[in-house]
């Protein structure tokens, strides 16, 4: 869609950076990595995604809070089902696709009755032949997990959500315009495989006043409220260029380039672009090219 003539897509990077829903690491040949996952009471189910290079050979074990272990489960493509206590486990080793050389592995924890066994679960990665050793793990969005459910040692890098990782989109993070400080919940880059700069820039996304359903006003927080600022700025640039005849080709990646160039520095960051704020904070006035 972003390749369509005279179009610009602005997408928020999500609000997962501070949610403990992502972790990553590197495993060496014949080594072992243990990832700890806290599951709080009354958690009905949970899904875990693991991404790694398909060239790396890794087998997975799962240990419940009582210390009962299943695995290592051989890396045979397709589903594997087993049970630990009152929890059903589905482990699925995926395969590369026509569009990706990576391997996705799914783990679903499903209660036999109503809720999962609370406590510290451990996911053990046992390495065979390793080429890169890099792995990434994600949980579902924070708004579907009980408070406190998450990785014990999370990493906040590469927490931007799909589709903000799309190369031709303008990816928008959030900052607090009241203090001009980065919003720690704002999804961070860079992208996992290509190390592409994301977000492109940030805009006000904390306590933003807007209209509410049924009338009135209220304050909202999130990158969904930062993105409209950038969308409006992109529209103003396109009006200046296309409608007013200053630049009939001012759309797509050209708009992104101008917004990146016009972005202002955010206090606390010395190097740009960076994983938190990209090229800086939105400034429409500085983004209009001088002719």
C-alpha atoms as a PDB file:
ATOM      1  CA  UNK A   1       0.000   0.000   0.000  1.00  0.00           C
ATOM      2  CA  UNK A   2       2.834   2.414   0.794  1.00  0.00           C
ATOM      3  CA  UNK A   3       4.014   2.115  -2.810  1.00  0.00           C
ATOM      4  CA  UNK A   4       0.753   3.543  -4.153  1.00  0.00           C
ATOM      5  CA  UNK A   5       1.167   6.946  -5.751  1.00  0.00           C
ATOM      6  CA  UNK A   6       0.625  10.006  -3.534  1.00  0.00           C
ATOM      7  CA  UNK A   7       0.124   8.127  -0.279  1.00  0.00           C
ATOM      8  CA  UNK A   8       1.756   8.216   3.154  1.00  0.00           C
ATOM      9  CA  UNK A   9       1.177   5.723   5.978  1.00  0.00           C
ATOM     10  CA  UNK A  10       1.836   6.754   9.587  1.00  0.00           C
ATOM     11  CA  UNK A  11       1.778   3.947  12.166  1.00  0.00           C
ATOM     12  CA  UNK A  12       2.316   3.986  15.936  1.00  0.00           C
ATOM     13  CA  UNK A  13       5.056   1.755  17.335  1.00  0.00           C
ATOM     14  CA  UNK A  14       2.837   0.397  20.121  1.00  0.00           C
ATOM     15  CA  UNK A  15       3.066   0.631  23.903  1.00  0.00           C
ATOM     16  CA  UNK A  16       5.022  -2.498  24.801  1.00  0.00           C
ATOM     17  CA  UNK A  17       8.514  -1.238  25.731  1.00  0.00           C
ATOM     18  CA  UNK A  18       7.847  -1.281  29.487  1.00  0.00           C
ATOM     19  CA  UNK A  19       5.551  -4.311  29.578  1.00  0.00           C
ATOM     20  CA  UNK A  20       8.085  -7.135  30.250  1.00  0.00           C
ATOM     21  CA  UNK A  21       6.704  -8.861  27.171  1.00  0.00           C
ATOM     22  CA  UNK A  22       9.969  -9.200  25.259  1.00  0.00           C
ATOM     23  CA  UNK A  23      13.334 -10.732  25.975  1.00  0.00           C
ATOM     24  CA  UNK A  24      16.311 -11.718  23.865  1.00  0.00           C
ATOM     25  CA  UNK A  25      19.753 -13.222  24.085  1.00  0.00           C
ATOM     26  CA  UNK A  26      22.464 -15.215  22.399  1.00  0.00           C
ATOM     27  CA  UNK A  27      23.244 -18.893  22.850  1.00  0.00           C
ATOM     28  CA  UNK A  28      26.507 -20.641  21.978  1.00  0.00           C
ATOM     29  CA  UNK A  29      27.049 -24.077  20.446  1.00  0.00           C
ATOM     30  CA  UNK A  30      26.281 -26.905  22.873  1.00  0.00           C
ATOM     31  CA  UNK A  31      25.232 -24.254  25.407  1.00  0.00           C
ATOM     32  CA  UNK A  32      22.017 -23.764  27.336  1.00  0.00           C
ATOM     33  CA  UNK A  33      19.913 -20.687  28.093  1.00  0.00           C
ATOM     34  CA  UNK A  34      17.138 -20.514  30.685  1.00  0.00           C
ATOM     35  CA  UNK A  35      14.420 -17.870  30.344  1.00  0.00           C
ATOM     36  CA  UNK A  36      12.210 -17.254  33.378  1.00  0.00           C
ATOM     37  CA  UNK A  37       8.559 -16.353  32.922  1.00  0.00           C
ATOM     38  CA  UNK A  38       6.370 -15.189  35.812  1.00  0.00           C
ATOM     39  CA  UNK A  39       2.715 -16.177  35.563  1.00  0.00           C
ATOM     40  CA  UNK A  40       0.366 -14.503  38.003  1.00  0.00           C
ATOM     41  CA  UNK A  41      -2.833 -15.895  39.475  1.00  0.00           C
ATOM     42  CA  UNK A  42      -5.948 -16.264  37.329  1.00  0.00           C
ATOM     43  CA  UNK A  43      -4.014 -16.153  34.050  1.00  0.00           C
ATOM     44  CA  UNK A  44      -6.283 -18.055  31.681  1.00  0.00           C
ATOM     45  CA  UNK A  45      -3.661 -18.909  29.021  1.00  0.00           C
ATOM     46  CA  UNK A  46      -0.514 -17.560  27.434  1.00  0.00           C
ATOM     47  CA  UNK A  47       1.231 -17.756  24.068  1.00  0.00           C
ATOM     48  CA  UNK A  48       4.968 -17.336  23.558  1.00  0.00           C
ATOM     49  CA  UNK A  49       6.653 -16.623  20.239  1.00  0.00           C
ATOM     50  CA  UNK A  50      10.320 -17.421  19.707  1.00  0.00           C
ATOM     51  CA  UNK A  51      12.198 -16.203  16.635  1.00  0.00           C
ATOM     52  CA  UNK A  52      15.637 -17.432  15.637  1.00  0.00           C
ATOM     53  CA  UNK A  53      17.731 -18.107  12.573  1.00  0.00           C
ATOM     54  CA  UNK A  54      16.675 -21.355  10.923  1.00  0.00           C
ATOM     55  CA  UNK A  55      20.355 -22.310  10.618  1.00  0.00           C
ATOM     56  CA  UNK A  56      20.619 -22.521  14.425  1.00  0.00           C
ATOM     57  CA  UNK A  57      19.632 -25.863  15.954  1.00  0.00           C
ATOM     58  CA  UNK A  58      17.840 -25.498  19.297  1.00  0.00           C
ATOM     59  CA  UNK A  59      15.738 -27.921  21.338  1.00  0.00           C
ATOM     60  CA  UNK A  60      13.305 -26.685  23.982  1.00  0.00           C
ATOM     61  CA  UNK A  61      12.456 -27.861  27.485  1.00  0.00           C
ATOM     62  CA  UNK A  62       9.750 -26.445  29.746  1.00  0.00           C
ATOM     63  CA  UNK A  63       9.856 -26.543  33.551  1.00  0.00           C
ATOM     64  CA  UNK A  64       6.787 -25.718  35.633  1.00  0.00           C
ATOM     65  CA  UNK A  65       6.879 -23.887  39.009  1.00  0.00           C
ATOM     66  CA  UNK A  66       7.062 -27.244  40.850  1.00  0.00           C
ATOM     67  CA  UNK A  67      10.239 -28.198  38.982  1.00  0.00           C
ATOM     68  CA  UNK A  68       8.679 -30.813  36.697  1.00  0.00           C
ATOM     69  CA  UNK A  69      10.485 -30.784  33.354  1.00  0.00           C
ATOM     70  CA  UNK A  70       9.476 -31.896  29.884  1.00  0.00           C
ATOM     71  CA  UNK A  71      12.122 -32.028  27.178  1.00  0.00           C
ATOM     72  CA  UNK A  72      14.384 -31.339  25.475  1.00  0.00           C
ATOM     73  CA  UNK A  73      11.811 -31.721  22.705  1.00  0.00           C
ATOM     74  CA  UNK A  74      13.594 -32.566  19.420  1.00  0.00           C
ATOM     75  CA  UNK A  75      13.412 -29.863  16.761  1.00  0.00           C
ATOM     76  CA  UNK A  76      11.094 -31.752  14.435  1.00  0.00           C
ATOM     77  CA  UNK A  77       8.928 -29.453  12.337  1.00  0.00           C
ATOM     78  CA  UNK A  78       5.277 -29.375  13.320  1.00  0.00           C
ATOM     79  CA  UNK A  79       3.271 -29.606  16.562  1.00  0.00           C
ATOM     80  CA  UNK A  80       4.231 -31.390  19.782  1.00  0.00           C
ATOM     81  CA  UNK A  81       1.694 -31.830  22.592  1.00  0.00           C
ATOM     82  CA  UNK A  82       2.293 -32.804  26.194  1.00  0.00           C
ATOM     83  CA  UNK A  83       1.048 -32.116  29.691  1.00  0.00           C
ATOM     84  CA  UNK A  84       2.710 -30.943  32.899  1.00  0.00           C
ATOM     85  CA  UNK A  85       0.426 -31.211  35.910  1.00  0.00           C
ATOM     86  CA  UNK A  86      -2.691 -29.170  35.203  1.00  0.00           C
ATOM     87  CA  UNK A  87      -1.253 -27.462  32.108  1.00  0.00           C
ATOM     88  CA  UNK A  88      -1.527 -28.561  28.490  1.00  0.00           C
ATOM     89  CA  UNK A  89       1.415 -27.437  26.351  1.00  0.00           C
ATOM     90  CA  UNK A  90       1.508 -27.050  22.586  1.00  0.00           C
ATOM     91  CA  UNK A  91       4.986 -26.581  21.123  1.00  0.00           C
ATOM     92  CA  UNK A  92       5.191 -25.908  17.400  1.00  0.00           C
ATOM     93  CA  UNK A  93       8.468 -25.741  15.480  1.00  0.00           C
ATOM     94  CA  UNK A  94       7.804 -23.620  12.401  1.00  0.00           C
ATOM     95  CA  UNK A  95       9.645 -23.511   9.111  1.00  0.00           C
ATOM     96  CA  UNK A  96      11.040 -20.659   7.021  1.00  0.00           C
ATOM     97  CA  UNK A  97       8.654 -19.048   4.569  1.00  0.00           C
ATOM     98  CA  UNK A  98       9.049 -17.783   1.001  1.00  0.00           C
ATOM     99  CA  UNK A  99       9.492 -14.337   2.559  1.00  0.00           C
ATOM    100  CA  UNK A 100      11.712 -15.055   5.572  1.00  0.00           C
ATOM    101  CA  UNK A 101      14.785 -17.133   6.409  1.00  0.00           C
ATOM    102  CA  UNK A 102      13.883 -17.058  10.108  1.00  0.00           C
ATOM    103  CA  UNK A 103      12.157 -19.743  12.135  1.00  0.00           C
ATOM    104  CA  UNK A 104       9.189 -19.025  14.378  1.00  0.00           C
ATOM    105  CA  UNK A 105       8.459 -21.320  17.309  1.00  0.00           C
ATOM    106  CA  UNK A 106       5.137 -21.191  19.175  1.00  0.00           C
ATOM    107  CA  UNK A 107       4.530 -22.278  22.745  1.00  0.00           C
ATOM    108  CA  UNK A 108       0.953 -22.247  24.058  1.00  0.00           C
ATOM    109  CA  UNK A 109       0.251 -22.885  27.742  1.00  0.00           C
ATOM    110  CA  UNK A 110      -3.375 -23.933  28.256  1.00  0.00           C
ATOM    111  CA  UNK A 111      -5.016 -24.802  31.590  1.00  0.00           C
ATOM    112  CA  UNK A 112      -6.672 -28.182  32.033  1.00  0.00           C
ATOM    113  CA  UNK A 113      -9.322 -26.431  34.114  1.00  0.00           C
ATOM    114  CA  UNK A 114      -9.697 -22.641  34.444  1.00  0.00           C
ATOM    115  CA  UNK A 115      -6.294 -21.048  35.042  1.00  0.00           C
ATOM    116  CA  UNK A 116      -2.603 -21.706  34.546  1.00  0.00           C
ATOM    117  CA  UNK A 117      -0.402 -22.747  37.446  1.00  0.00           C
ATOM    118  CA  UNK A 118       0.969 -19.514  38.872  1.00  0.00           C
ATOM    119  CA  UNK A 119       4.642 -19.066  39.672  1.00  0.00           C
ATOM    120  CA  UNK A 120       7.940 -19.010  37.793  1.00  0.00           C
ATOM    121  CA  UNK A 121       8.004 -21.116  34.643  1.00  0.00           C
ATOM    122  CA  UNK A 122      11.292 -21.760  32.870  1.00  0.00           C
ATOM    123  CA  UNK A 123      11.909 -22.207  29.160  1.00  0.00           C
ATOM    124  CA  UNK A 124      15.244 -23.895  28.494  1.00  0.00           C
ATOM    125  CA  UNK A 125      16.957 -23.573  25.115  1.00  0.00           C
ATOM    126  CA  UNK A 126      19.497 -26.343  24.474  1.00  0.00           C
ATOM    127  CA  UNK A 127      21.812 -25.613  21.565  1.00  0.00           C
ATOM    128  CA  UNK A 128      23.197 -27.958  18.953  1.00  0.00           C
ATOM    129  CA  UNK A 129      24.961 -26.458  15.941  1.00  0.00           C
ATOM    130  CA  UNK A 130      24.847 -22.673  16.210  1.00  0.00           C
ATOM    131  CA  UNK A 131      25.669 -20.081  13.550  1.00  0.00           C
ATOM    132  CA  UNK A 132      24.425 -16.771  14.998  1.00  0.00           C
ATOM    133  CA  UNK A 133      22.801 -17.863  18.269  1.00  0.00           C
ATOM    134  CA  UNK A 134      20.500 -14.844  18.476  1.00  0.00           C
ATOM    135  CA  UNK A 135      16.949 -15.424  19.708  1.00  0.00           C
ATOM    136  CA  UNK A 136      13.989 -13.178  20.497  1.00  0.00           C
ATOM    137  CA  UNK A 137      10.897 -13.989  22.571  1.00  0.00           C
ATOM    138  CA  UNK A 138       7.580 -12.149  22.709  1.00  0.00           C
ATOM    139  CA  UNK A 139       4.423 -12.442  24.775  1.00  0.00           C
ATOM    140  CA  UNK A 140       0.998 -11.156  23.713  1.00  0.00           C
ATOM    141  CA  UNK A 141       0.137  -7.497  24.174  1.00  0.00           C
ATOM    142  CA  UNK A 142       0.212  -6.232  27.746  1.00  0.00           C
ATOM    143  CA  UNK A 143      -3.530  -5.534  27.741  1.00  0.00           C
ATOM    144  CA  UNK A 144      -4.384  -9.263  27.551  1.00  0.00           C
ATOM    145  CA  UNK A 145      -2.027 -10.337  30.366  1.00  0.00           C
ATOM    146  CA  UNK A 146      -2.616 -10.110  34.098  1.00  0.00           C
ATOM    147  CA  UNK A 147      -0.547  -7.532  35.932  1.00  0.00           C
ATOM    148  CA  UNK A 148       2.837  -9.022  36.801  1.00  0.00           C
ATOM    149  CA  UNK A 149       2.794 -11.714  34.113  1.00  0.00           C
ATOM    150  CA  UNK A 150       5.945 -11.333  32.039  1.00  0.00           C
ATOM    151  CA  UNK A 151       9.600 -12.199  31.613  1.00  0.00           C
ATOM    152  CA  UNK A 152      11.694 -11.722  34.750  1.00  0.00           C
ATOM    153  CA  UNK A 153      14.557 -10.274  32.718  1.00  0.00           C
ATOM    154  CA  UNK A 154      12.920  -8.406  29.825  1.00  0.00           C
ATOM    155  CA  UNK A 155      14.655  -6.355  27.158  1.00  0.00           C
ATOM    156  CA  UNK A 156      12.997  -3.189  25.888  1.00  0.00           C
ATOM    157  CA  UNK A 157      14.763  -3.031  22.507  1.00  0.00           C
ATOM    158  CA  UNK A 158      12.893  -4.274  19.421  1.00  0.00           C
ATOM    159  CA  UNK A 159       9.486  -3.856  21.055  1.00  0.00           C
ATOM    160  CA  UNK A 160       7.820  -1.933  18.230  1.00  0.00           C
ATOM    161  CA  UNK A 161       4.680  -3.704  17.083  1.00  0.00           C
ATOM    162  CA  UNK A 162       3.578  -4.834  13.632  1.00  0.00           C
ATOM    163  CA  UNK A 163       2.882  -3.130  11.220  1.00  0.00           C
ATOM    164  CA  UNK A 164       5.083  -0.233  12.406  1.00  0.00           C
ATOM    165  CA  UNK A 165       8.125  -2.277  11.359  1.00  0.00           C
ATOM    166  CA  UNK A 166       7.137  -1.919   7.678  1.00  0.00           C
ATOM    167  CA  UNK A 167       9.966  -0.271   5.766  1.00  0.00           C
ATOM    168  CA  UNK A 168       7.933   2.333   3.867  1.00  0.00           C
ATOM    169  CA  UNK A 169       5.702   3.385   6.744  1.00  0.00           C
ATOM    170  CA  UNK A 170       6.432   6.413   8.921  1.00  0.00           C
ATOM    171  CA  UNK A 171       6.728   4.785  12.348  1.00  0.00           C
ATOM    172  CA  UNK A 172       5.794   7.025  15.265  1.00  0.00           C
ATOM    173  CA  UNK A 173       6.838   6.736  18.900  1.00  0.00           C
ATOM    174  CA  UNK A 174       5.716   8.898  21.815  1.00  0.00           C
ATOM    175  CA  UNK A 175       7.172  11.495  24.145  1.00  0.00           C
ATOM    176  CA  UNK A 176       5.722  13.625  26.941  1.00  0.00           C
ATOM    177  CA  UNK A 177       5.257  17.143  25.562  1.00  0.00           C
ATOM    178  CA  UNK A 178       4.788  18.524  29.083  1.00  0.00           C
ATOM    179  CA  UNK A 179       8.319  17.586  30.149  1.00  0.00           C
ATOM    180  CA  UNK A 180       9.832  16.962  26.693  1.00  0.00           C
ATOM    181  CA  UNK A 181      10.887  13.514  27.920  1.00  0.00           C
ATOM    182  CA  UNK A 182      10.763  10.173  26.129  1.00  0.00           C
ATOM    183  CA  UNK A 183       7.743   8.021  27.066  1.00  0.00           C
ATOM    184  CA  UNK A 184       9.162   4.757  28.408  1.00  0.00           C
ATOM    185  CA  UNK A 185       6.180   2.692  27.191  1.00  0.00           C
ATOM    186  CA  UNK A 186       6.766   3.685  23.558  1.00  0.00           C
ATOM    187  CA  UNK A 187       7.764   0.754  21.328  1.00  0.00           C
ATOM    188  CA  UNK A 188      11.469   0.761  20.464  1.00  0.00           C
ATOM    189  CA  UNK A 189      13.518  -0.301  17.466  1.00  0.00           C
ATOM    190  CA  UNK A 190      15.487  -1.192  15.612  1.00  0.00           C
ATOM    191  CA  UNK A 191      13.911  -3.899  13.440  1.00  0.00           C
ATOM    192  CA  UNK A 192      14.931  -7.469  14.221  1.00  0.00           C
ATOM    193  CA  UNK A 193      16.467  -8.734  10.977  1.00  0.00           C
ATOM    194  CA  UNK A 194      17.296  -5.651   8.937  1.00  0.00           C
ATOM    195  CA  UNK A 195      18.310  -3.346  11.820  1.00  0.00           C
ATOM    196  CA  UNK A 196      16.263  -0.646  10.091  1.00  0.00           C
ATOM    197  CA  UNK A 197      15.807   2.661  11.913  1.00  0.00           C
ATOM    198  CA  UNK A 198      12.461   2.604  13.706  1.00  0.00           C
ATOM    199  CA  UNK A 199      10.776   4.650  15.024  1.00  0.00           C
ATOM    200  CA  UNK A 200      11.312   7.378  12.460  1.00  0.00           C
ATOM    201  CA  UNK A 201      10.418  10.075  14.988  1.00  0.00           C
ATOM    202  CA  UNK A 202       8.284  10.741  18.066  1.00  0.00           C
ATOM    203  CA  UNK A 203       5.317  13.019  18.767  1.00  0.00           C
ATOM    204  CA  UNK A 204       3.295  13.983  21.872  1.00  0.00           C
ATOM    205  CA  UNK A 205       1.671  10.833  23.259  1.00  0.00           C
ATOM    206  CA  UNK A 206       1.195  11.383  27.004  1.00  0.00           C
ATOM    207  CA  UNK A 207      -2.021  12.867  28.431  1.00  0.00           C
ATOM    208  CA  UNK A 208      -3.169  14.117  25.031  1.00  0.00           C
ATOM    209  CA  UNK A 209      -6.506  15.938  25.220  1.00  0.00           C
ATOM    210  CA  UNK A 210      -9.026  14.793  22.640  1.00  0.00           C
ATOM    211  CA  UNK A 211     -12.747  14.329  22.126  1.00  0.00           C
ATOM    212  CA  UNK A 212     -14.613  11.378  23.610  1.00  0.00           C
ATOM    213  CA  UNK A 213     -17.521   9.252  22.466  1.00  0.00           C
ATOM    214  CA  UNK A 214     -20.762  10.975  23.402  1.00  0.00           C
ATOM    215  CA  UNK A 215     -19.177  14.411  23.662  1.00  0.00           C
ATOM    216  CA  UNK A 216     -16.677  16.119  25.911  1.00  0.00           C
ATOM    217  CA  UNK A 217     -12.916  15.835  26.260  1.00  0.00           C
ATOM    218  CA  UNK A 218     -10.487  13.549  28.053  1.00  0.00           C
ATOM    219  CA  UNK A 219      -6.751  12.892  28.240  1.00  0.00           C
ATOM    220  CA  UNK A 220      -5.331   9.741  26.645  1.00  0.00           C
ATOM    221  CA  UNK A 221      -1.868   8.197  26.482  1.00  0.00           C
ATOM    222  CA  UNK A 222      -0.238   5.973  23.867  1.00  0.00           C
ATOM    223  CA  UNK A 223       1.412   5.998  20.464  1.00  0.00           C
ATOM    224  CA  UNK A 224      -2.069   5.876  18.909  1.00  0.00           C
ATOM    225  CA  UNK A 225      -2.434   9.467  20.096  1.00  0.00           C
ATOM    226  CA  UNK A 226       1.045  10.480  18.938  1.00  0.00           C
ATOM    227  CA  UNK A 227       0.508   9.197  15.399  1.00  0.00           C
ATOM    228  CA  UNK A 228      -2.246  11.695  14.405  1.00  0.00           C
ATOM    229  CA  UNK A 229       0.187  14.576  14.972  1.00  0.00           C
ATOM    230  CA  UNK A 230       2.523  13.084  12.373  1.00  0.00           C
ATOM    231  CA  UNK A 231      -0.349  12.208  10.035  1.00  0.00           C
ATOM    232  CA  UNK A 232      -1.502  15.828  10.128  1.00  0.00           C
ATOM    233  CA  UNK A 233       2.026  17.074   9.500  1.00  0.00           C
ATOM    234  CA  UNK A 234       2.384  14.727   6.531  1.00  0.00           C
ATOM    235  CA  UNK A 235      -0.896  16.078   5.137  1.00  0.00           C
ATOM    236  CA  UNK A 236       0.331  19.665   5.517  1.00  0.00           C
ATOM    237  CA  UNK A 237       3.562  18.830   3.697  1.00  0.00           C
ATOM    238  CA  UNK A 238       1.640  17.156   0.875  1.00  0.00           C
ATOM    239  CA  UNK A 239      -0.693  20.150   0.628  1.00  0.00           C
ATOM    240  CA  UNK A 240       2.298  22.500   0.449  1.00  0.00           C
ATOM    241  CA  UNK A 241       3.939  20.351  -2.207  1.00  0.00           C
ATOM    242  CA  UNK A 242       1.147  18.881  -4.333  1.00  0.00           C
ATOM    243  CA  UNK A 243      -1.877  21.150  -3.877  1.00  0.00           C
ATOM    244  CA  UNK A 244       0.044  24.424  -3.875  1.00  0.00           C
ATOM    245  CA  UNK A 245       2.357  23.297  -6.636  1.00  0.00           C
ATOM    246  CA  UNK A 246       5.667  23.595  -4.781  1.00  0.00           C
ATOM    247  CA  UNK A 247       6.589  19.917  -5.264  1.00  0.00           C
ATOM    248  CA  UNK A 248       4.249  17.544  -7.156  1.00  0.00           C
ATOM    249  CA  UNK A 249       6.311  14.561  -5.966  1.00  0.00           C
ATOM    250  CA  UNK A 250       6.075  15.273  -2.246  1.00  0.00           C
ATOM    251  CA  UNK A 251       4.654  11.965  -0.999  1.00  0.00           C
ATOM    252  CA  UNK A 252       5.788   8.567   0.275  1.00  0.00           C
ATOM    253  CA  UNK A 253       9.431   8.277   1.283  1.00  0.00           C
ATOM    254  CA  UNK A 254      10.044  11.930   0.425  1.00  0.00           C
ATOM    255  CA  UNK A 255       7.654  13.023   3.184  1.00  0.00           C
ATOM    256  CA  UNK A 256       9.435  10.689   5.601  1.00  0.00           C
ATOM    257  CA  UNK A 257      12.807  12.165   4.647  1.00  0.00           C
ATOM    258  CA  UNK A 258      11.601  15.739   5.254  1.00  0.00           C
ATOM    259  CA  UNK A 259      10.035  14.846   8.619  1.00  0.00           C
ATOM    260  CA  UNK A 260      13.210  13.072   9.710  1.00  0.00           C
ATOM    261  CA  UNK A 261      15.357  16.039   8.719  1.00  0.00           C
ATOM    262  CA  UNK A 262      13.120  18.513  10.539  1.00  0.00           C
ATOM    263  CA  UNK A 263      12.896  16.513  13.775  1.00  0.00           C
ATOM    264  CA  UNK A 264      14.167  18.206  16.941  1.00  0.00           C
ATOM    265  CA  UNK A 265      16.498  16.664  19.478  1.00  0.00           C
ATOM    266  CA  UNK A 266      14.981  15.192  22.630  1.00  0.00           C
ATOM    267  CA  UNK A 267      16.819  15.880  25.922  1.00  0.00           C
ATOM    268  CA  UNK A 268      18.780  12.888  27.180  1.00  0.00           C
ATOM    269  CA  UNK A 269      19.846  11.587  23.769  1.00  0.00           C
ATOM    270  CA  UNK A 270      23.180  12.436  22.165  1.00  0.00           C
ATOM    271  CA  UNK A 271      23.221  10.052  19.194  1.00  0.00           C
ATOM    272  CA  UNK A 272      20.676  10.122  16.370  1.00  0.00           C
ATOM    273  CA  UNK A 273      18.962   8.121  15.070  1.00  0.00           C
ATOM    274  CA  UNK A 274      18.433   5.902  18.096  1.00  0.00           C
ATOM    275  CA  UNK A 275      16.154   3.054  19.173  1.00  0.00           C
ATOM    276  CA  UNK A 276      13.926   5.201  21.383  1.00  0.00           C
ATOM    277  CA  UNK A 277      13.114   8.392  19.435  1.00  0.00           C
ATOM    278  CA  UNK A 278      14.537   7.707  15.981  1.00  0.00           C
ATOM    279  CA  UNK A 279      15.551  11.028  14.433  1.00  0.00           C
ATOM    280  CA  UNK A 280      13.906  13.091  17.177  1.00  0.00           C
ATOM    281  CA  UNK A 281      10.659  14.919  17.936  1.00  0.00           C
ATOM    282  CA  UNK A 282       8.215  16.080  15.279  1.00  0.00           C
ATOM    283  CA  UNK A 283       8.633  19.668  14.080  1.00  0.00           C
ATOM    284  CA  UNK A 284       6.502  20.500  11.054  1.00  0.00           C
ATOM    285  CA  UNK A 285       7.898  24.023  10.638  1.00  0.00           C
ATOM    286  CA  UNK A 286      11.470  22.742  10.313  1.00  0.00           C
ATOM    287  CA  UNK A 287      10.378  19.953   7.953  1.00  0.00           C
ATOM    288  CA  UNK A 288       9.112  22.194   5.145  1.00  0.00           C
ATOM    289  CA  UNK A 289      11.940  22.408   2.595  1.00  0.00           C
ATOM    290  CA  UNK A 290      13.453  25.786   1.837  1.00  0.00           C
ATOM    291  CA  UNK A 291      13.012  26.794  -1.793  1.00  0.00           C
END
